[in-house]
Structure formats: structure tokens, C-alpha cells
């Protein structure tokens, strides 16, 4: 099975860490983020992995080589110009001729990729998105009053939303909707497909999931590494 990891981001929200090391190579415990991702993908049968790179691509290429050390076939795909979160796939179009997984290179998860892949392949949608419940604590209470006098107070519940988890399964037909060589993002793909009334399936992640987008997230990843990974 094939997977694409987006590993070309600048990691601006994690500076100064990413001024020297590209975000996917930041160490979490004894391994880099990408190593953890690749090993988890391999454990679920993904043996052909493409790394879509841009920023500091040479670091990533030297680090992983051809992937043989990890028991997989690994190939580096490099953008000549920024192509967004979906555009880089067009550089691999000739190789992605079967359903494939795509994920952001800054995610740690214990998601069962095998079940996700099976679900996506068996349903009629060309595109399946993974989602995750995200809970945001609401810090303030709601106060009620009449004129100058308080009549009541209500503690607000946490805000619960479902978010895109940065992990997707796509079938080759998806390339019918992605412009070649242009900057094209995930939001644009979803909106364009919905406008055409095309099916997009969703799969909820129940397992551990963390987006390492901010410095606090990176610290949390360090804290949970031994227990989770």
C-alpha cells in the first residue's frame, strides 16, 4: 500500500526549532516525527511511502535515503515552488494509481490505518477524510442581569467540535479535481468537490491524535512519547 507524507512546511510557528531542522525531523524522544509516522504506517502494511518536500528537502533526503533501513520503499518528491497541501500530489500522479493515504508531516497518532484504509476503499466516495473530536475549554461564565442587578450565572460548557485531522484516503479519480502544477489546498479540494455534489466520506479517529503545530504541542509530544509511542 502507498502513502504520501507532506513534509514541506516551513514550520514558522515552531521557530526557533525549525530554523535549523525541518519540522518533520524534530526529535520526539529518541526518534523524529517522520520516523514515528513511517514506522506506524509500515506496521499497518504501507510499504511504499512518498515524502513531499520543499523546505530543507536535502536534510530529509539524507536522513532517510531510500527507506531500506525502515523496511520500506521510500521516495522523495520535491516541489520547485510551493504547491499547497494538495498540489504536491500532482507531482506523483503517475505513481499513485491505487487508493493511497495522505497525511500531514506534523501529526502523531495511534490511529488504526488498516481499518481506515479498508473503510475508505469499500465505500463509494473518491475521498475520505479523517476527523477528530476537539474539546476547547470555555474559560468564562455567562451572566444574566436585569438593569443594574445580576439575576443569575451559568457556567459555560466546553466547546466540542469535529476537526479535520490531517489524514486522508484518496482514490486515483481525485486527480480529476486537482489542477496540475498550481498552488491548491485541502479546503479548496473539499469545497470544489462539494460544489460538484461529489461524495466525501468521513472517518472518526478514536485513538490518540496530536497536531504538533505550536511550541506547547511540541512540549506535549515530548511528555507523552514514552507512554504512547
Protein backbone atom coordinates (compact mmCIF):
# COMPACT_ATOMS: atom_id res chain seq x y z
CA UNK A 1 0.00 0.00 0.00
CA UNK A 2 1.09 3.55 -0.71
CA UNK A 3 1.20 6.66 1.48
CA UNK A 4 2.23 10.28 0.98
CA UNK A 5 3.51 12.38 3.88
CA UNK A 6 3.50 16.15 3.43
CA UNK A 7 6.90 17.20 4.76
CA UNK A 8 7.49 20.53 3.05
CA UNK A 9 6.12 23.07 5.53
CA UNK A 10 8.23 25.93 6.84
CA UNK A 11 7.28 25.29 10.46
CA UNK A 12 7.10 29.02 11.18
CA UNK A 13 5.02 28.52 14.34
CA UNK A 14 7.77 26.33 15.80
CA UNK A 15 10.67 28.68 15.36
CA UNK A 16 13.43 28.84 16.50
CA UNK A 17 13.42 25.00 16.50
CA UNK A 18 12.76 24.84 12.75
CA UNK A 19 15.32 27.42 11.69
CA UNK A 20 17.90 24.65 11.52
CA UNK A 21 15.87 21.42 11.43
CA UNK A 22 12.77 20.92 9.24
CA UNK A 23 9.69 20.32 11.38
CA UNK A 24 9.19 16.64 10.37
CA UNK A 25 12.71 15.88 11.63
CA UNK A 26 12.25 17.45 15.06
CA UNK A 27 13.11 14.87 17.72
CA UNK A 28 10.35 13.34 19.82
CA UNK A 29 12.03 11.17 22.42
CA UNK A 30 14.58 9.04 20.56
CA UNK A 31 13.07 9.45 17.09
CA UNK A 32 12.00 12.15 14.67
CA UNK A 33 8.34 12.85 13.94
CA UNK A 34 8.72 11.35 10.45
CA UNK A 35 10.34 8.19 11.80
CA UNK A 36 7.42 7.63 14.16
CA UNK A 37 4.97 8.17 11.31
CA UNK A 38 6.81 5.88 8.89
CA UNK A 39 7.13 3.06 11.43
CA UNK A 40 3.43 3.29 12.30
CA UNK A 41 2.45 3.27 8.62
CA UNK A 42 4.68 0.26 7.99
CA UNK A 43 3.08 -1.63 10.89
CA UNK A 44 -0.24 -1.27 9.05
CA UNK A 45 1.03 -2.54 5.70
CA UNK A 46 2.13 0.67 3.98
CA UNK A 47 5.38 -0.31 2.31
CA UNK A 48 5.72 2.41 -0.35
CA UNK A 49 5.97 5.90 1.10
CA UNK A 50 6.50 9.22 -0.67
CA UNK A 51 7.74 12.29 1.18
CA UNK A 52 6.50 15.51 -0.42
CA UNK A 53 9.17 18.08 0.45
CA UNK A 54 10.18 21.67 -0.12
CA UNK A 55 11.83 23.45 2.83
CA UNK A 56 15.23 21.89 3.69
CA UNK A 57 14.45 18.92 1.45
CA UNK A 58 18.11 17.85 1.36
CA UNK A 59 18.08 17.25 5.14
CA UNK A 60 15.16 14.86 4.82
CA UNK A 61 16.67 13.06 1.84
CA UNK A 62 19.99 12.48 3.60
CA UNK A 63 18.23 11.34 6.77
CA UNK A 64 16.06 8.64 5.16
CA UNK A 65 17.85 7.60 1.98
CA UNK A 66 15.82 5.03 0.06
CA UNK A 67 13.94 3.81 3.14
CA UNK A 68 15.58 0.37 3.20
CA UNK A 69 16.66 0.91 6.81
CA UNK A 70 12.97 1.03 7.70
CA UNK A 71 11.96 -1.93 5.54
CA UNK A 72 10.05 0.18 3.03
CA UNK A 73 10.45 1.74 -0.38
CA UNK A 74 10.82 5.48 0.12
CA UNK A 75 10.96 8.25 -2.45
CA UNK A 76 11.49 11.99 -2.04
CA UNK A 77 9.32 14.31 -4.14
CA UNK A 78 10.49 17.94 -4.18
CA UNK A 79 8.47 20.99 -5.17
CA UNK A 80 10.16 23.65 -7.28
CA UNK A 81 7.59 26.11 -5.97
CA UNK A 82 5.05 25.95 -3.11
CA UNK A 83 2.01 23.90 -4.17
CA UNK A 84 -0.08 23.97 -1.00
CA UNK A 85 -1.40 20.94 0.84
CA UNK A 86 -2.86 19.09 -2.15
CA UNK A 87 -0.92 20.40 -5.15
CA UNK A 88 2.21 18.31 -4.35
CA UNK A 89 0.22 15.17 -5.18
CA UNK A 90 0.21 16.10 -8.87
CA UNK A 91 3.98 15.51 -8.95
CA UNK A 92 3.26 11.88 -8.01
CA UNK A 93 0.18 11.34 -10.16
CA UNK A 94 1.79 8.65 -12.32
CA UNK A 95 2.70 6.62 -9.24
CA UNK A 96 -0.49 6.96 -7.22
CA UNK A 97 -2.58 4.62 -9.35
CA UNK A 98 -4.35 2.89 -6.46
CA UNK A 99 -6.05 4.17 -3.29
CA UNK A 100 -3.45 5.90 -1.12
CA UNK A 101 -3.17 7.54 2.27
CA UNK A 102 -2.00 11.12 2.64
CA UNK A 103 -1.12 12.76 5.94
CA UNK A 104 0.50 15.91 7.27
CA UNK A 105 4.06 15.53 8.47
CA UNK A 106 3.41 17.06 11.89
CA UNK A 107 0.89 14.61 13.32
CA UNK A 108 1.39 11.95 15.98
CA UNK A 109 -1.36 9.36 16.18
CA UNK A 110 -2.06 5.78 17.15
CA UNK A 111 -4.84 5.61 14.56
CA UNK A 112 -5.53 2.19 13.06
CA UNK A 113 -4.54 2.98 9.48
CA UNK A 114 -5.57 -0.50 8.32
CA UNK A 115 -9.21 -0.01 9.37
CA UNK A 116 -9.22 3.49 7.91
CA UNK A 117 -7.90 2.24 4.58
CA UNK A 118 -10.40 -0.63 4.43
CA UNK A 119 -13.29 1.71 5.25
CA UNK A 120 -12.24 4.17 2.53
CA UNK A 121 -11.69 1.54 -0.15
CA UNK A 122 -15.03 -0.14 0.48
CA UNK A 123 -17.19 3.00 0.40
CA UNK A 124 -18.18 4.71 -2.87
CA UNK A 125 -16.52 8.07 -2.12
CA UNK A 126 -13.40 9.10 -4.04
CA UNK A 127 -12.14 10.97 -0.99
CA UNK A 128 -12.31 10.07 2.72
CA UNK A 129 -11.28 12.49 5.46
CA UNK A 130 -10.29 11.53 8.99
CA UNK A 131 -11.86 13.69 11.69
CA UNK A 132 -11.19 14.08 15.40
CA UNK A 133 -13.25 15.42 18.28
CA UNK A 134 -11.55 18.50 19.68
CA UNK A 135 -12.51 19.97 23.05
CA UNK A 136 -11.79 23.62 23.85
CA UNK A 137 -12.36 24.67 27.48
CA UNK A 138 -14.53 27.77 27.78
CA UNK A 139 -12.99 29.96 30.48
CA UNK A 140 -15.83 32.33 31.20
CA UNK A 141 -19.26 32.07 32.76
CA UNK A 142 -22.41 33.56 31.21
CA UNK A 143 -24.01 36.22 33.40
CA UNK A 144 -27.65 37.31 33.35
CA UNK A 145 -28.94 40.63 34.65
CA UNK A 146 -31.88 42.99 34.76
CA UNK A 147 -30.88 46.64 34.70
CA UNK A 148 -28.01 47.10 37.12
CA UNK A 149 -28.59 43.86 39.06
CA UNK A 150 -27.36 40.33 38.47
CA UNK A 151 -30.13 37.73 38.24
CA UNK A 152 -28.13 34.59 37.53
CA UNK A 153 -24.96 32.97 36.31
CA UNK A 154 -24.30 29.96 34.15
CA UNK A 155 -21.02 28.12 33.79
CA UNK A 156 -20.40 27.51 30.11
CA UNK A 157 -19.65 24.01 28.92
CA UNK A 158 -16.55 23.14 26.95
CA UNK A 159 -16.77 23.82 23.22
CA UNK A 160 -16.75 20.49 21.35
CA UNK A 161 -16.02 20.50 17.63
CA UNK A 162 -15.08 17.95 14.99
CA UNK A 163 -11.94 18.92 13.08
CA UNK A 164 -10.08 17.71 10.02
CA UNK A 165 -7.29 15.53 11.40
CA UNK A 166 -4.84 15.97 8.52
CA UNK A 167 -5.12 12.33 7.38
CA UNK A 168 -6.92 11.27 4.21
CA UNK A 169 -7.50 8.36 1.85
CA UNK A 170 -7.83 9.22 -1.82
CA UNK A 171 -8.66 7.16 -4.87
CA UNK A 172 -6.91 7.98 -8.18
CA UNK A 173 -10.05 9.68 -9.53
CA UNK A 174 -9.28 12.56 -7.16
CA UNK A 175 -6.75 13.82 -9.71
CA UNK A 176 -9.66 14.82 -11.93
CA UNK A 177 -10.24 17.69 -9.49
CA UNK A 178 -6.66 18.81 -8.70
CA UNK A 179 -5.05 21.32 -11.10
CA UNK A 180 -1.54 20.38 -12.25
CA UNK A 181 1.36 22.49 -11.04
CA UNK A 182 -0.77 25.01 -9.18
CA UNK A 183 -1.00 26.03 -5.53
CA UNK A 184 -4.03 24.12 -4.29
CA UNK A 185 -5.09 23.46 -0.72
CA UNK A 186 -7.25 20.94 1.10
CA UNK A 187 -10.05 23.43 1.76
CA UNK A 188 -10.24 24.17 -1.97
CA UNK A 189 -10.43 20.48 -2.86
CA UNK A 190 -13.24 19.84 -0.38
CA UNK A 191 -15.19 22.92 -1.44
CA UNK A 192 -14.80 22.16 -5.14
CA UNK A 193 -15.92 18.55 -4.72
CA UNK A 194 -18.91 19.56 -2.62
CA UNK A 195 -19.87 22.17 -5.22
CA UNK A 196 -19.97 19.35 -7.77
CA UNK A 197 -22.11 17.32 -5.34
CA UNK A 198 -19.46 14.59 -5.12
CA UNK A 199 -19.31 12.21 -2.18
CA UNK A 200 -16.78 12.85 0.57
CA UNK A 201 -16.73 10.27 3.35
CA UNK A 202 -15.64 10.86 6.94
CA UNK A 203 -13.95 8.50 9.41
CA UNK A 204 -13.63 9.44 13.07
CA UNK A 205 -10.36 8.80 14.89
CA UNK A 206 -10.93 7.28 18.33
CA UNK A 207 -7.27 6.70 19.10
CA UNK A 208 -4.66 9.17 20.33
CA UNK A 209 -4.00 12.12 17.99
CA UNK A 210 -1.85 15.23 18.31
CA UNK A 211 -1.05 18.01 15.85
CA UNK A 212 2.42 19.41 16.55
CA UNK A 213 1.72 22.89 15.28
CA UNK A 214 2.77 25.08 18.18
CA UNK A 215 5.55 25.11 20.78
CA UNK A 216 3.16 23.89 23.50
CA UNK A 217 2.16 20.95 21.28
CA UNK A 218 5.80 20.04 20.76
CA UNK A 219 6.37 20.02 24.51
CA UNK A 220 3.29 17.83 24.98
CA UNK A 221 4.59 15.40 22.36
CA UNK A 222 7.81 15.06 24.34
CA UNK A 223 5.85 14.38 27.52
CA UNK A 224 3.60 11.67 26.08
CA UNK A 225 6.18 9.92 23.86
CA UNK A 226 7.14 7.12 26.28
CA UNK A 227 3.58 6.34 27.32
CA UNK A 228 2.06 6.43 23.83
CA UNK A 229 4.84 5.53 21.41
